[in-house]
Amino acid sequence: MKKFEQEIDRVKTCLQTNELPGIKAQLKMAPITRLTEISRSQFSTEHGGTKAKFPRKSAVLILLYPKNNTVYLVMMVRAADNTVHSGHVSFPGGKVEKSDSSISYTALREAHEEIGVLPNTVDIIGKLTKLYIPPSNFDVYPVVGIVNSTPVFIPNNEVHKLLEVELSTLFNPNTAGYEKIYHRTGGEFVVPCFHIQGEIVWGATAMILAELLDVISIVVLPQRR
C-alpha cells in the first residue's frame, strides 16, 4: 500500500496546486465533430450557432483506488439503449437533481447508483474543468475521488461492463490513437481515442482523461516497468 499512498499523494498535489490546463488539454482528444459543435456553440442562434441559453448540469466521478499496489481508476461501458451515449465508455455519473447539495454529491450519488460505490468511503480530492456536451446540452463537471481499499463494484442495469484501468498505462503512447466510428448523424469519422481493454474511449470521456493526464503528467506517474 505504500506505493499507492505515495502515488495518490502526488496526484493530490497536482490537482490542488497545479493550474488546470482546461480546454487546451481537452481538445487534444476532441473529435472533429466536437470541434465543429464547440465552435458553433460560441455564437448565438441568430448567427447560425447552437449555443443553448440554459445547459443542464451533470457530474461524473473519476474514482482512484488501490489494486496490485498501484493506482487504478474505473470506467463503465454503458448499456445499449436509445440515448445519445448508448454503448459508450464513460465515468459513472449523471444529471444534477434539485435535491443534490453539491456537484460532488451528484457524482457520489450517481456512482453509488451505477457501480455500487459507497459515498462515505470516498474522499474528494479535486475537480477538473467542466466540459460542455452539445448533443445533450449538458455541462459535465468531473470530480476526482479516492478510496483507500479496492472497491467491490456492484453495477446496475445501466452498465454493460466495467473497465478497471491501471492509471500509469494511460501514459503509454500505444494506448492513445485513432479509430473510425459511426457518428449519430450517420457519417463515419476518424476520432482520437484511447484503446482500453478492447474498447474505444472517445468523445467527452477521452477529453476528460486528457486533462487528467495533463494535470498529473508523465513525470509524476511514470509508466511501470
Protein backbone atom coordinates (compact mmCIF):
# COMPACT_ATOMS: atom_id res chain seq x y z
CA MET A 1 0.00 0.00 0.00
CA LYS A 2 2.96 2.33 0.46
CA LYS A 3 3.41 2.77 -3.28
CA PHE A 4 -0.31 3.53 -3.73
CA GLU A 5 -0.21 6.12 -0.95
CA GLN A 6 2.85 7.81 -2.49
CA GLU A 7 1.25 7.97 -5.93
CA ILE A 8 -2.04 9.29 -4.53
CA ASP A 9 -0.17 11.99 -2.60
CA ARG A 10 1.41 13.08 -5.88
CA VAL A 11 -1.97 13.12 -7.63
CA LYS A 12 -3.43 15.23 -4.80
CA THR A 13 -0.56 17.67 -5.08
CA CYS A 14 -1.05 18.04 -8.82
CA LEU A 15 -4.80 18.58 -8.54
CA GLN A 16 -4.58 21.02 -5.67
CA THR A 17 -1.54 23.09 -6.61
CA ASN A 18 -1.28 22.98 -10.41
CA GLU A 19 -3.35 25.26 -12.60
CA LEU A 20 -5.85 23.24 -14.61
CA PRO A 21 -4.97 23.10 -18.33
CA GLY A 22 -8.69 23.16 -19.18
CA ILE A 23 -9.95 23.24 -22.75
CA LYS A 24 -6.40 23.23 -24.14
CA ALA A 25 -5.88 19.71 -22.78
CA GLN A 26 -9.42 18.54 -23.54
CA LEU A 27 -9.15 19.49 -27.21
CA LYS A 28 -6.24 17.07 -27.68
CA MET A 29 -8.80 14.26 -27.74
CA ALA A 30 -11.72 16.13 -29.32
CA PRO A 31 -13.20 14.56 -32.49
CA ILE A 32 -13.71 16.81 -35.50
CA THR A 33 -17.46 16.72 -34.90
CA ARG A 34 -16.95 18.03 -31.37
CA LEU A 35 -14.64 20.78 -32.59
CA THR A 36 -17.35 21.90 -35.00
CA GLU A 37 -20.01 21.78 -32.29
CA ILE A 38 -17.82 23.70 -29.85
CA SER A 39 -17.11 26.33 -32.49
CA ARG A 40 -20.80 26.76 -33.31
CA SER A 41 -21.74 26.89 -29.63
CA GLN A 42 -19.72 30.09 -29.27
CA PHE A 43 -22.27 32.00 -31.36
CA SER A 44 -25.89 32.89 -30.77
CA THR A 45 -28.57 31.04 -32.73
CA GLU A 46 -29.39 34.10 -34.80
CA HIS A 47 -25.84 33.93 -36.21
CA GLY A 48 -26.05 30.27 -37.13
CA GLY A 49 -24.86 28.90 -33.82
CA THR A 50 -26.37 26.31 -31.50
CA LYS A 51 -25.44 27.68 -28.10
CA ALA A 52 -28.07 26.83 -25.50
CA LYS A 53 -29.04 29.52 -23.02
CA PHE A 54 -29.50 27.09 -20.15
CA PRO A 55 -27.29 23.96 -20.32
CA ARG A 56 -28.18 21.35 -17.74
CA LYS A 57 -25.61 20.30 -15.14
CA SER A 58 -24.20 16.84 -14.60
CA ALA A 59 -21.26 15.33 -12.73
CA VAL A 60 -19.01 12.31 -13.17
CA LEU A 61 -16.74 10.61 -10.66
CA ILE A 62 -13.14 9.75 -11.51
CA LEU A 63 -12.53 7.18 -8.78
CA LEU A 64 -8.93 6.31 -7.91
CA TYR A 65 -8.26 3.24 -5.78
CA PRO A 66 -5.52 0.74 -4.87
CA LYS A 67 -5.12 -2.51 -6.73
CA ASN A 68 -1.95 -4.58 -7.12
CA ASN A 69 -0.21 -1.92 -5.02
CA THR A 70 -0.73 0.83 -7.58
CA VAL A 71 -3.40 3.34 -8.65
CA TYR A 72 -6.40 2.27 -10.72
CA LEU A 73 -9.46 4.08 -11.99
CA VAL A 74 -12.79 2.67 -13.13
CA MET A 75 -14.89 3.43 -16.19
CA MET A 76 -18.02 1.77 -17.49
CA VAL A 77 -19.43 0.70 -20.84
CA ARG A 78 -22.99 1.95 -20.84
CA ALA A 79 -25.77 -0.49 -21.67
CA ALA A 80 -27.28 -0.27 -25.13
CA ASP A 81 -30.43 1.88 -25.17
CA ASN A 82 -31.90 4.73 -27.19
CA THR A 83 -29.95 7.56 -25.54
CA VAL A 84 -27.22 9.70 -27.15
CA HIS A 85 -24.47 7.91 -25.21
CA SER A 86 -25.73 4.34 -25.66
CA GLY A 87 -22.88 1.82 -25.56
CA HIS A 88 -20.22 4.46 -24.95
CA VAL A 89 -17.45 4.26 -22.37
CA SER A 90 -17.91 6.80 -19.60
CA PHE A 91 -17.22 7.56 -15.99
CA PRO A 92 -20.08 6.89 -13.58
CA GLY A 93 -22.25 9.97 -13.37
CA GLY A 94 -25.43 11.73 -14.32
CA LYS A 95 -27.50 14.88 -14.08
CA VAL A 96 -27.71 17.14 -11.06
CA GLU A 97 -31.02 16.76 -9.24
CA LYS A 98 -32.70 19.64 -7.38
CA SER A 99 -32.22 17.78 -4.12
CA ASP A 100 -28.44 17.41 -4.60
CA SER A 101 -26.45 19.59 -2.22
CA SER A 102 -23.39 19.95 -4.48
CA ILE A 103 -21.68 18.77 -7.66
CA SER A 104 -19.62 16.33 -5.58
CA TYR A 105 -22.80 14.96 -4.02
CA THR A 106 -24.19 14.31 -7.51
CA ALA A 107 -21.04 12.45 -8.59
CA LEU A 108 -21.08 10.29 -5.45
CA ARG A 109 -24.81 9.59 -5.66
CA GLU A 110 -24.58 8.52 -9.29
CA ALA A 111 -21.51 6.35 -8.65
CA HIS A 112 -23.38 4.65 -5.84
CA GLU A 113 -26.41 4.02 -8.06
CA GLU A 114 -24.45 2.83 -11.10
CA ILE A 115 -21.49 0.90 -9.71
CA GLY A 116 -22.24 0.45 -6.02
CA VAL A 117 -19.51 2.65 -4.52
CA LEU A 118 -20.45 3.81 -1.02
CA PRO A 119 -20.30 7.63 -0.84
CA ASN A 120 -18.97 7.69 2.74
CA THR A 121 -15.88 5.73 1.66
CA VAL A 122 -14.81 8.30 -0.97
CA ASP A 123 -12.52 11.24 -0.25
CA ILE A 124 -12.95 14.03 -2.82
CA ILE A 125 -9.50 15.41 -3.69
CA GLY A 126 -10.26 17.81 -6.52
CA LYS A 127 -12.16 18.68 -9.67
CA LEU A 128 -11.28 19.08 -13.33
CA THR A 129 -12.56 21.66 -15.81
CA LYS A 130 -16.23 21.45 -16.74
CA LEU A 131 -16.93 20.27 -20.28
CA TYR A 132 -19.92 21.28 -22.39
CA ILE A 133 -21.61 18.43 -24.31
CA PRO A 134 -23.57 19.92 -27.25
CA PRO A 135 -25.61 16.82 -28.28
CA SER A 136 -27.23 16.51 -24.86
CA ASN A 137 -26.86 20.18 -23.79
CA PHE A 138 -25.05 19.32 -20.55
CA ASP A 139 -22.21 20.94 -18.67
CA VAL A 140 -20.27 18.00 -17.21
CA TYR A 141 -18.27 18.54 -14.01
CA PRO A 142 -15.56 15.89 -13.43
CA VAL A 143 -14.97 15.16 -9.72
CA VAL A 144 -11.88 13.24 -8.58
CA GLY A 145 -12.14 10.99 -5.52
CA ILE A 146 -10.18 8.21 -3.84
CA VAL A 147 -10.94 5.18 -1.71
CA ASN A 148 -8.28 3.50 0.39
CA SER A 149 -9.15 -0.10 -0.43
CA THR A 150 -10.15 -1.95 -3.58
CA PRO A 151 -13.91 -1.45 -4.01
CA VAL A 152 -16.40 -4.24 -4.54
CA PHE A 153 -18.29 -2.93 -7.56
CA ILE A 154 -21.99 -3.69 -7.99
CA PRO A 155 -23.05 -2.46 -11.46
CA ASN A 156 -26.73 -1.71 -12.09
CA ASN A 157 -28.68 -2.24 -15.32
CA GLU A 158 -27.29 0.96 -16.85
CA VAL A 159 -23.87 -0.70 -17.05
CA HIS A 160 -22.89 -3.29 -19.66
CA LYS A 161 -19.45 -3.88 -18.12
CA LEU A 162 -16.75 -2.19 -16.06
CA LEU A 163 -13.20 -1.29 -17.11
CA GLU A 164 -10.66 -1.29 -14.28
CA VAL A 165 -7.64 0.57 -15.65
CA GLU A 166 -4.18 0.96 -14.16
CA LEU A 167 -3.59 4.72 -14.22
CA SER A 168 0.01 4.50 -15.40
CA THR A 169 -0.96 2.54 -18.54
CA LEU A 170 -2.82 5.60 -19.81
CA PHE A 171 0.56 7.28 -20.28
CA ASN A 172 1.69 4.52 -22.63
CA PRO A 173 1.89 6.02 -26.16
CA ASN A 174 0.34 2.85 -27.56
CA THR A 175 -2.85 3.45 -25.57
CA ALA A 176 -3.76 6.61 -27.48
CA GLY A 177 -4.55 6.51 -31.18
CA TYR A 178 -7.29 6.97 -33.76
CA GLU A 179 -10.31 4.92 -34.75
CA LYS A 180 -13.14 5.14 -37.27
CA ILE A 181 -16.53 5.48 -35.62
CA TYR A 182 -20.08 5.73 -36.88
CA HIS A 183 -21.46 9.05 -35.74
CA ARG A 184 -25.06 9.63 -34.63
CA THR A 185 -25.52 11.86 -37.70
CA GLY A 186 -24.99 8.83 -39.92
CA GLY A 187 -21.48 9.66 -41.11
CA GLU A 188 -18.15 7.95 -40.48
CA PHE A 189 -15.34 9.85 -38.77
CA VAL A 190 -11.81 9.09 -37.61
CA VAL A 191 -11.54 10.23 -34.00
CA PRO A 192 -8.73 10.46 -31.42
CA CYS A 193 -9.26 7.88 -28.73
CA PHE A 194 -7.79 5.64 -26.06
CA HIS A 195 -7.74 1.89 -26.73
CA ILE A 196 -8.54 0.25 -23.41
CA GLN A 197 -9.29 -3.44 -22.91
CA GLY A 198 -10.78 -3.80 -26.36
CA GLU A 199 -12.96 -0.71 -26.02
CA ILE A 200 -12.69 2.65 -27.81
CA VAL A 201 -12.76 5.54 -25.36
CA TRP A 202 -13.53 8.71 -27.29
CA GLY A 203 -15.54 11.93 -27.12
CA ALA A 204 -16.20 13.56 -23.76
CA THR A 205 -14.66 10.75 -21.70
CA ALA A 206 -11.40 10.88 -23.68
CA MET A 207 -11.36 14.68 -23.36
CA ILE A 208 -11.73 14.44 -19.58
CA LEU A 209 -8.99 11.80 -19.43
CA ALA A 210 -6.71 14.04 -21.49
CA GLU A 211 -6.97 16.81 -18.91
CA LEU A 212 -6.44 14.38 -16.03
CA LEU A 213 -3.26 13.07 -17.63
CA ASP A 214 -2.02 16.59 -18.33
CA VAL A 215 -2.58 17.57 -14.71
CA ILE A 216 -0.72 14.54 -13.37
CA SER A 217 1.94 14.46 -16.12
CA ILE A 218 4.19 11.56 -17.10
CA VAL A 219 6.97 12.86 -14.83
CA VAL A 220 4.78 12.39 -11.78
CA LEU A 221 3.38 8.99 -12.69
CA PRO A 222 5.89 7.23 -14.94
CA GLN A 223 4.85 4.05 -16.69
CA ARG A 224 5.57 0.95 -14.64
CA ARG A 225 8.32 -1.31 -15.88
